[in-house]
Protein backbone atom coordinates (compact mmCIF):
# COMPACT_ATOMS: atom_id res chain seq x y z
CA MET A 1 119.08 137.95 112.73
CA THR A 2 117.11 136.00 114.98
CA ARG A 3 115.16 132.79 113.92
CA ARG A 4 111.30 132.90 114.84
CA THR A 5 110.14 129.42 115.79
CA GLY A 6 106.62 128.41 117.32
CA GLN A 7 103.57 130.38 117.63
CA GLU A 8 103.77 134.05 116.68
CA PRO A 9 103.14 136.10 119.91
CA THR A 10 99.90 137.54 120.73
CA MET A 11 98.91 141.17 121.65
CA PRO A 12 98.88 142.08 124.90
CA PRO A 13 95.50 140.79 126.66
CA ASP A 14 92.53 143.45 127.19
CA LYS A 15 93.01 144.52 130.85
CA LYS A 16 89.31 144.44 131.04
CA ARG A 17 89.06 140.56 130.76
CA PRO A 18 91.54 137.83 131.13
CA PRO A 19 93.75 136.07 128.70
CA ALA A 20 92.21 132.99 127.37
CA THR A 21 93.21 129.59 128.91
CA ALA A 22 95.79 127.48 126.62
CA TYR A 23 93.18 124.92 125.76
CA GLU A 24 90.84 128.34 124.50
CA ASN A 25 93.58 129.67 122.68
CA ARG A 26 91.97 128.87 119.08
CA ARG A 27 95.44 130.13 117.16
CA PHE A 28 97.50 127.78 119.15
CA LEU A 29 95.47 124.79 118.75
CA GLU A 30 95.51 125.45 115.40
CA HIS A 31 99.20 125.72 115.12
CA ARG A 32 102.00 123.01 114.24
CA GLU A 33 103.25 122.75 117.61
CA ALA A 34 99.59 121.69 119.07
CA ARG A 35 99.29 118.80 116.21
CA PRO A 36 99.64 116.09 118.99
CA LEU A 37 97.04 117.47 120.80
CA ARG A 38 95.00 117.35 117.95
CA ILE A 39 95.79 114.09 117.13
CA LEU A 40 95.24 112.75 120.78
CA SER A 41 91.87 114.23 120.59
CA GLU A 42 90.69 112.68 117.54
CA TYR A 43 91.42 109.31 119.60
CA LEU A 44 89.93 110.72 123.20
CA GLU A 45 86.43 112.23 122.12
CA PRO A 46 85.63 109.16 119.96
CA GLU A 47 86.41 106.98 122.61
CA SER A 48 84.52 108.65 125.35
CA ARG A 49 81.31 108.92 123.40
CA PHE A 50 81.62 105.33 121.97
CA SER A 51 82.02 104.18 125.72
CA HIS A 52 79.09 106.36 126.98
CA TYR A 53 76.79 104.78 124.64
CA SER A 54 78.47 101.41 124.85
CA ILE A 55 79.30 100.67 121.75
CA ALA A 56 81.26 97.42 121.93
CA ASP A 57 81.97 96.60 118.36
CA THR A 58 80.84 97.68 114.68
CA ILE A 59 80.32 96.05 111.29
CA VAL A 60 81.82 98.53 108.84
CA PHE A 61 80.55 99.09 105.28
CA MET A 62 82.72 100.54 102.69
CA GLY A 63 82.15 101.68 99.18
CA SER A 64 81.65 104.61 96.83
CA ALA A 65 80.31 108.01 97.69
CA ARG A 66 79.19 107.99 93.80
CA VAL A 67 76.57 105.38 93.82
CA VAL A 68 73.23 106.35 94.24
CA ALA A 69 69.41 104.92 94.99
CA LEU A 70 67.53 103.14 92.43
CA GLU A 71 64.90 105.77 92.49
CA GLN A 72 67.40 108.35 91.85
CA ALA A 73 69.07 106.33 88.94
CA GLU A 74 65.99 105.49 87.13
CA ALA A 75 65.02 109.24 87.13
CA ALA A 76 68.55 110.21 85.87
CA LEU A 77 67.78 107.57 83.10
CA LYS A 78 64.62 109.05 81.69
CA GLU A 79 66.33 112.31 81.95
CA ALA A 80 69.49 112.01 79.79
CA ARG A 81 69.83 113.34 76.73
CA GLY A 82 72.52 111.93 73.82
CA PRO A 83 73.99 108.76 73.66
CA GLU A 84 76.92 109.54 76.00
CA GLU A 85 74.76 110.67 78.86
CA LYS A 86 72.28 108.31 78.26
CA GLN A 87 75.38 105.61 78.70
CA ALA A 88 76.46 107.08 81.66
CA ALA A 89 72.86 106.93 83.05
CA GLU A 90 72.50 103.35 82.23
CA LEU A 91 75.75 102.48 83.97
CA GLN A 92 74.66 104.17 86.86
CA LEU A 93 71.10 102.53 86.80
CA GLU A 94 73.22 99.17 87.05
CA MET A 95 75.48 100.13 89.79
CA SER A 96 72.25 101.51 91.93
CA ARG A 97 71.65 97.69 92.48
CA TYR A 98 74.78 97.99 95.30
CA TYR A 99 72.91 100.98 97.21
CA GLU A 100 69.86 98.78 97.66
CA GLU A 101 71.70 95.58 98.23
CA ALA A 102 73.99 97.50 100.88
CA GLY A 103 70.70 98.92 102.38
CA GLU A 104 69.44 95.64 102.85
CA LEU A 105 72.32 94.00 104.26
CA ALA A 106 72.91 96.44 106.93
CA GLU A 107 68.93 96.36 107.70
CA ARG A 108 69.20 92.62 108.36
CA LEU A 109 72.61 92.91 110.31
CA THR A 110 70.74 95.57 112.62
CA VAL A 111 67.91 93.36 113.12
CA TRP A 112 69.86 90.18 113.74
CA SER A 113 72.24 92.59 116.31
CA LYS A 114 69.37 93.87 118.26
CA GLU A 115 67.87 90.17 119.11
CA LEU A 116 71.04 89.63 120.58
CA ASN A 117 71.15 89.20 124.60
CA ASP A 118 73.75 91.78 125.46
CA GLU A 119 73.68 94.74 127.72
CA ASP A 120 76.31 96.33 125.04
CA HIS A 121 75.32 97.50 121.39
CA ARG A 122 77.02 94.94 119.40
CA TYR A 123 77.44 94.78 115.61
CA VAL A 124 76.52 98.20 114.87
CA ILE A 125 76.68 99.32 111.36
CA CYS A 126 79.71 102.02 110.93
CA THR A 127 80.41 104.02 107.66
CA GLY A 128 82.45 106.71 106.17
CA GLY A 129 79.37 109.12 106.79
CA GLY A 130 78.88 110.22 103.47
CA PRO A 131 76.39 109.68 100.15
CA GLY A 132 76.46 106.74 98.41
CA ILE A 133 76.98 103.23 99.83
CA MET A 134 77.55 105.11 103.10
CA GLU A 135 74.40 106.47 102.96
CA ALA A 136 72.73 103.15 101.87
CA ALA A 137 74.19 101.33 104.73
CA ASN A 138 73.16 103.92 107.40
CA ARG A 139 69.85 104.08 105.82
CA GLY A 140 69.34 100.33 106.09
CA ALA A 141 70.28 100.26 109.96
CA SER A 142 68.18 103.50 110.57
CA ARG A 143 65.43 101.34 108.81
CA ALA A 144 65.73 98.63 111.46
CA ARG A 145 65.84 101.51 114.15
CA GLY A 146 69.16 100.41 115.34
CA MET A 147 71.87 102.89 116.34
CA ASN A 148 74.58 103.45 113.58
CA VAL A 149 77.56 105.57 113.15
CA GLY A 150 79.18 107.76 110.35
CA MET A 151 83.06 108.73 110.58
CA ALA A 152 83.18 111.44 107.89
CA ILE A 153 86.69 112.98 107.03
CA SER A 154 88.04 116.84 106.28
CA ILE A 155 88.64 116.78 102.42
CA PRO A 156 88.69 119.76 99.79
CA GLU A 157 85.48 118.51 97.97
CA GLU A 158 82.92 119.35 100.77
CA GLN A 159 81.50 116.14 102.11
CA THR A 160 78.07 116.27 103.64
CA TYR A 161 76.96 113.84 106.46
CA ASN A 162 74.47 111.85 105.54
CA SER A 163 70.87 111.97 107.28
CA PHE A 164 70.62 108.32 108.43
CA ILE A 165 73.16 108.58 110.99
CA THR A 166 72.54 108.41 114.60
CA ARG A 167 73.05 111.90 115.98
CA GLU A 168 75.23 111.07 118.97
CA LEU A 169 77.43 109.04 117.10
CA ALA A 170 78.34 111.46 114.12
CA PHE A 171 82.05 111.94 113.90
CA HIS A 172 84.17 114.54 112.13
CA PHE A 173 87.94 113.56 111.43
CA HIS A 174 90.80 115.70 110.02
CA TYR A 175 93.55 112.92 110.12
CA PHE A 176 92.96 109.90 107.84
CA PHE A 177 95.10 107.63 109.97
CA MET A 178 92.95 108.08 113.24
CA ARG A 179 89.76 107.91 111.36
CA LYS A 180 90.95 104.53 109.86
CA PHE A 181 91.86 103.62 113.46
CA TRP A 182 88.20 103.81 114.58
CA PHE A 183 87.54 101.92 111.69
CA ALA A 184 90.03 99.01 112.45
CA TYR A 185 89.88 99.25 115.95
CA LEU A 186 85.99 98.61 116.73
CA ALA A 187 85.54 96.57 113.86
CA LYS A 188 84.15 92.88 114.17
CA ALA A 189 83.68 92.31 109.81
CA VAL A 190 84.01 94.64 107.27
CA ILE A 191 82.38 94.60 104.01
CA PHE A 192 83.74 96.22 100.85
CA PHE A 193 81.20 97.22 98.07
CA PRO A 194 82.41 98.74 94.62
CA GLY A 195 84.37 101.73 95.27
CA GLY A 196 87.49 103.96 94.25
CA PHE A 197 90.72 105.18 95.92
CA GLY A 198 89.32 105.30 99.20
CA THR A 199 87.61 101.67 99.29
CA LEU A 200 90.71 100.43 97.79
CA ASP A 201 93.08 101.92 100.05
CA GLU A 202 90.97 100.63 103.08
CA MET A 203 90.55 97.49 101.71
CA PHE A 204 94.45 96.87 101.06
CA GLU A 205 95.18 98.36 104.54
CA ILE A 206 92.52 95.88 106.31
CA LEU A 207 93.93 92.84 104.52
CA THR A 208 97.91 94.09 104.66
CA LEU A 209 97.19 94.32 108.72
CA LEU A 210 95.54 91.17 108.76
CA LYS A 211 98.10 89.12 106.69
CA THR A 212 101.13 90.77 108.75
CA LYS A 213 99.20 89.65 112.29
CA LYS A 214 98.77 93.38 113.12
CA ILE A 215 95.06 92.83 113.48
CA THR A 216 95.01 89.53 115.52
CA LYS A 217 91.18 89.34 116.15
CA HIS A 218 89.13 87.26 114.00
CA LEU A 219 87.68 89.92 111.28
CA PRO A 220 85.78 88.60 108.52
CA VAL A 221 86.16 90.26 105.46
CA VAL A 222 83.50 90.53 102.63
CA LEU A 223 83.76 91.57 98.98
CA PHE A 224 80.36 92.17 97.61
CA GLY A 225 80.18 92.74 93.80
CA LYS A 226 81.85 89.35 91.73
CA LYS A 227 82.13 91.08 88.25
CA TYR A 228 83.49 94.47 89.88
CA TRP A 229 85.95 93.13 92.01
CA LYS A 230 87.03 90.82 89.36
CA GLU A 231 87.69 93.35 86.85
CA VAL A 232 89.34 96.10 89.40
CA VAL A 233 91.69 93.84 90.86
CA ASN A 234 93.03 90.78 89.52
CA PHE A 235 93.94 88.56 92.80
CA GLU A 236 94.86 85.79 90.41
CA ALA A 237 97.53 87.28 88.97
CA LEU A 238 99.07 88.33 92.06
CA LEU A 239 98.74 84.60 93.00
CA LYS A 240 100.22 83.69 89.93
CA TYR A 241 103.11 85.78 89.75
CA GLY A 242 103.87 85.06 93.46
CA MET A 243 103.40 88.14 95.12
CA ILE A 244 100.75 86.73 97.29
CA GLY A 245 100.20 82.97 98.70
CA PRO A 246 96.89 80.58 98.45
CA GLU A 247 96.25 81.41 102.10
CA GLU A 248 95.86 85.29 101.94
CA MET A 249 92.99 83.92 99.09
CA ASP A 250 91.53 83.03 102.29
CA LEU A 251 92.01 86.56 104.15
CA PHE A 252 87.91 87.41 102.23
CA MET A 253 85.28 86.03 100.37
CA VAL A 254 83.69 87.19 97.48
CA THR A 255 79.90 87.39 96.63
CA ASP A 256 76.94 88.73 94.76
CA SER A 257 74.28 87.74 97.41
CA VAL A 258 72.75 89.63 100.02
CA GLU A 259 71.87 86.25 101.57
CA GLU A 260 74.97 84.46 101.45
CA ALA A 261 77.10 87.47 102.74
CA PHE A 262 74.47 87.90 106.05
CA LEU A 263 74.73 83.93 106.74
CA TYR A 264 78.80 84.07 106.35
CA ILE A 265 78.92 87.30 108.78
CA THR A 266 76.51 86.18 111.36
CA ALA A 267 77.85 82.72 111.47
CA GLU A 268 81.50 83.87 111.61
CA LEU A 269 80.48 86.89 114.46
CA SER A 270 78.54 83.89 116.28
CA GLU A 271 81.55 81.28 116.35
CA ALA A 272 83.89 84.05 117.21
CA ALA A 273 81.58 85.40 120.54
CA ALA A 274 81.09 81.55 121.42
CA SER A 275 85.03 80.88 121.52
CA GLU A 276 85.61 84.46 123.48
CA LYS A 277 83.05 83.14 126.00
CA GLY A 278 84.50 79.91 126.11
CA ALA A 279 87.98 81.58 126.65
CA THR A 280 87.07 83.71 129.86
CA LEU A 281 85.24 80.63 131.58
């Protein structure tokens, strides 16, 4: 018996029209053999758009898609019935502060970046493109009339793009690792708001890349929400048991203040930019 490999043969072409070229053959492009092309396209197509719109670097906001705006949380609490539903609504209201603070921080950083004298679009707000903290950051940048990026991912649960992303800079990825590449490659700062598996995954990956010097550029990392991060990740225990060293605690700063985060990030980016200019003289 002959073992069949590769793409199944297609029917003979219609004599009245020529067969599709290879790059127009959707059946082939979605097949296993074309995976390298799909991966490469998720590098080349975003690179082309970033270049066209002069996006030189980004400030990445990470956080949960489940955090809602204050107004929505207040409305949900008013409609809550029963102790369990009310308890959940109260917690949602408590967490809504992070939506508001992410939006405020993104707006302030966008205003600051627009005041810089640079031909390129510097320090553009970038998110995962979805709702929650991502929406808040895109919304804040939009309020400041700044270009902003949304990089969504194909997942089983339908994920919608939030409406505040700059239309030309809305991306849709199939491969997580290509999306992660673009998050890390363009980032000049990363801010982690409270989030779940996805946020934790991105946070530990960024910290690992910094620790192992796979990221060699200066990259300020902020964990926003002291209470949340202290409960969710016990860095002190990692330090106590010798799993990390004191120097690894310096890879990030933790804060509850929009003002503190703003001043820290802008100071770090300004210092890094001054060093870059000095190095090129």
